[in-house]
Amino acid sequence: MSRVSYTQLSMWSKCPWRWKLNYIDGHSVFTESIYTLFGTSMHETVQTYLTVFYNDTIKAADSLQLDKMLQYRMMENFKKAKEEIGEDCCTKEEMSEFYLQGVIILELLILKLILIVLVWQCQLQLLFWHVELVKEQ
């Protein structure tokens, strides 16, 4: 059995006929919203961070101003969406609310990555000590 997404369930509860047209008949129409704008912007920001993290150094990645990068990406994606659909896809209040939540998400992501690196370093140190103890015996 396939999964039902929140979007599908929400659409079904609002209009089962629309759900059928979208998911059964394949006549879906993409509409830009604060959710797609935010998701795209977060993806681009995190992708930049991870690219620097893995291709350069952790220090270089940590020096990136992710909050400013997210804000810039959200504004650029907002402008692009407005050009494509001819109107605003969200309100200023939604942009502000999602931006602030995004900053918190980015901070938590960075903390988690730092924790992963620290645990990895500790595991390597323990492995090294274990090898040294085995050699001594």
Protein backbone atom coordinates (compact mmCIF):
# COMPACT_ATOMS: atom_id res chain seq x y z
CA MET A 1 0.00 0.00 0.00
CA SER A 2 1.38 3.42 -0.91
CA ARG A 3 1.73 6.26 1.57
CA VAL A 4 -0.71 9.14 1.79
CA SER A 5 0.98 12.50 2.31
CA TYR A 6 -0.36 15.34 4.42
CA THR A 7 -0.95 17.28 1.20
CA GLN A 8 -3.09 14.48 -0.22
CA LEU A 9 -5.10 14.13 2.99
CA SER A 10 -5.62 17.88 3.20
CA MET A 11 -6.73 18.06 -0.43
CA TRP A 12 -9.10 15.09 0.05
CA SER A 13 -10.71 16.69 3.11
CA LYS A 14 -11.27 19.96 1.21
CA CYS A 15 -12.41 18.48 -2.10
CA PRO A 16 -12.35 14.76 -2.96
CA TRP A 17 -12.96 15.57 -6.64
CA ARG A 18 -9.82 17.74 -6.77
CA TRP A 19 -7.86 14.93 -5.11
CA LYS A 20 -9.09 12.48 -7.77
CA LEU A 21 -8.13 14.87 -10.59
CA ASN A 22 -4.66 15.37 -9.08
CA TYR A 23 -3.68 11.92 -7.88
CA ILE A 24 -5.76 9.49 -9.91
CA ASP A 25 -6.22 11.29 -13.24
CA GLY A 26 -2.83 13.04 -13.14
CA HIS A 27 -4.10 16.58 -13.76
CA SER A 28 -2.15 18.26 -11.00
CA VAL A 29 -1.28 21.93 -11.12
CA PHE A 30 1.70 23.20 -9.18
CA THR A 31 1.09 26.36 -7.20
CA GLU A 32 3.85 28.24 -5.46
CA SER A 33 3.26 28.88 -1.76
CA ILE A 34 5.20 29.88 1.32
CA TYR A 35 5.80 26.16 1.92
CA THR A 36 7.45 25.53 -1.44
CA LEU A 37 9.32 28.84 -1.29
CA PHE A 38 10.64 28.06 2.19
CA GLY A 39 11.50 24.45 1.34
CA THR A 40 13.44 25.47 -1.76
CA SER A 41 15.28 28.23 0.13
CA MET A 42 16.19 25.94 3.04
CA HIS A 43 17.37 23.26 0.64
CA GLU A 44 19.62 25.71 -1.21
CA THR A 45 21.04 27.08 2.06
CA VAL A 46 21.74 23.67 3.60
CA GLN A 47 23.18 22.39 0.32
CA THR A 48 25.64 25.30 0.25
CA TYR A 49 26.66 24.63 3.85
CA LEU A 50 27.17 20.90 3.27
CA THR A 51 29.12 21.49 0.06
CA VAL A 52 31.56 23.76 1.91
CA PHE A 53 31.57 21.39 4.92
CA TYR A 54 32.62 18.38 2.83
CA ASN A 55 34.63 20.01 0.03
CA ASP A 56 36.50 22.70 2.00
CA THR A 57 36.65 22.70 5.79
CA ILE A 58 34.27 22.59 8.72
CA LYS A 59 35.64 25.96 9.81
CA ALA A 60 34.82 27.50 6.42
CA ALA A 61 31.31 26.03 6.54
CA ASP A 62 30.77 27.33 10.06
CA SER A 63 31.86 30.82 8.99
CA LEU A 64 29.02 31.04 6.46
CA GLN A 65 26.25 33.43 7.49
CA LEU A 66 23.42 30.97 7.00
CA ASP A 67 20.76 33.33 8.34
CA LYS A 68 21.63 35.94 5.73
CA MET A 69 21.91 33.26 3.05
CA LEU A 70 18.43 31.96 3.92
CA GLN A 71 17.00 35.47 3.87
CA TYR A 72 18.56 36.16 0.47
CA ARG A 73 17.36 32.84 -0.98
CA MET A 74 13.83 33.44 0.31
CA MET A 75 13.73 36.92 -1.26
CA GLU A 76 15.11 35.65 -4.57
CA ASN A 77 12.68 32.73 -4.68
CA PHE A 78 9.83 35.09 -3.76
CA LYS A 79 10.72 37.37 -6.69
CA LYS A 80 11.01 34.40 -9.04
CA ALA A 81 7.61 33.04 -7.95
CA LYS A 82 6.02 36.47 -8.37
CA GLU A 83 7.38 36.70 -11.91
CA GLU A 84 6.03 33.24 -12.75
CA ILE A 85 2.54 33.55 -11.25
CA GLY A 86 2.06 37.31 -11.45
CA GLU A 87 1.20 37.80 -7.79
CA ASP A 88 2.62 37.33 -4.32
CA CYS A 89 2.63 33.70 -3.21
CA CYS A 90 2.64 34.66 0.46
CA THR A 91 2.39 37.59 2.85
CA LYS A 92 5.22 39.53 4.49
CA GLU A 93 4.12 38.08 7.83
CA GLU A 94 4.45 34.52 6.49
CA MET A 95 7.89 35.31 5.08
CA SER A 96 8.99 36.70 8.44
CA GLU A 97 7.54 33.80 10.44
CA PHE A 98 9.06 31.14 8.17
CA TYR A 99 12.42 32.96 8.08
CA LEU A 100 12.63 33.01 11.89
CA GLN A 101 11.71 29.33 12.09
CA GLY A 102 14.30 28.60 9.40
CA VAL A 103 17.04 30.30 11.40
CA ILE A 104 16.20 28.07 14.38
CA ILE A 105 16.23 24.97 12.17
CA LEU A 106 19.62 25.94 10.73
CA GLU A 107 21.09 26.50 14.20
CA LEU A 108 19.85 23.09 15.33
CA LEU A 109 21.25 21.47 12.20
CA ILE A 110 24.69 23.00 12.82
CA LEU A 111 24.65 21.86 16.45
CA LYS A 112 23.73 18.34 15.38
CA LEU A 113 26.52 18.23 12.80
CA ILE A 114 29.02 19.47 15.37
CA LEU A 115 27.85 16.77 17.77
CA ILE A 116 28.20 14.10 15.08
CA VAL A 117 31.77 15.23 14.34
CA LEU A 118 32.66 15.22 18.05
CA VAL A 119 31.22 11.73 18.55
CA TRP A 120 33.08 10.51 15.48
CA GLN A 121 36.34 11.96 16.82
CA CYS A 122 35.76 10.30 20.21
CA GLN A 123 35.08 6.96 18.55
CA LEU A 124 38.31 7.23 16.58
CA GLN A 125 40.23 8.07 19.75
CA LEU A 126 38.72 5.07 21.56
CA LEU A 127 39.59 2.83 18.64
CA PHE A 128 43.16 4.14 18.68
CA TRP A 129 43.45 3.48 22.43
CA HIS A 130 42.05 -0.01 21.96
CA VAL A 131 44.62 -0.79 19.28
CA GLU A 132 47.41 0.50 21.53
CA LEU A 133 46.20 -1.67 24.42
CA VAL A 134 46.08 -4.75 22.20
CA LYS A 135 49.63 -4.05 21.01
CA GLU A 136 50.87 -3.79 24.61
CA GLN A 137 49.41 -7.20 25.52
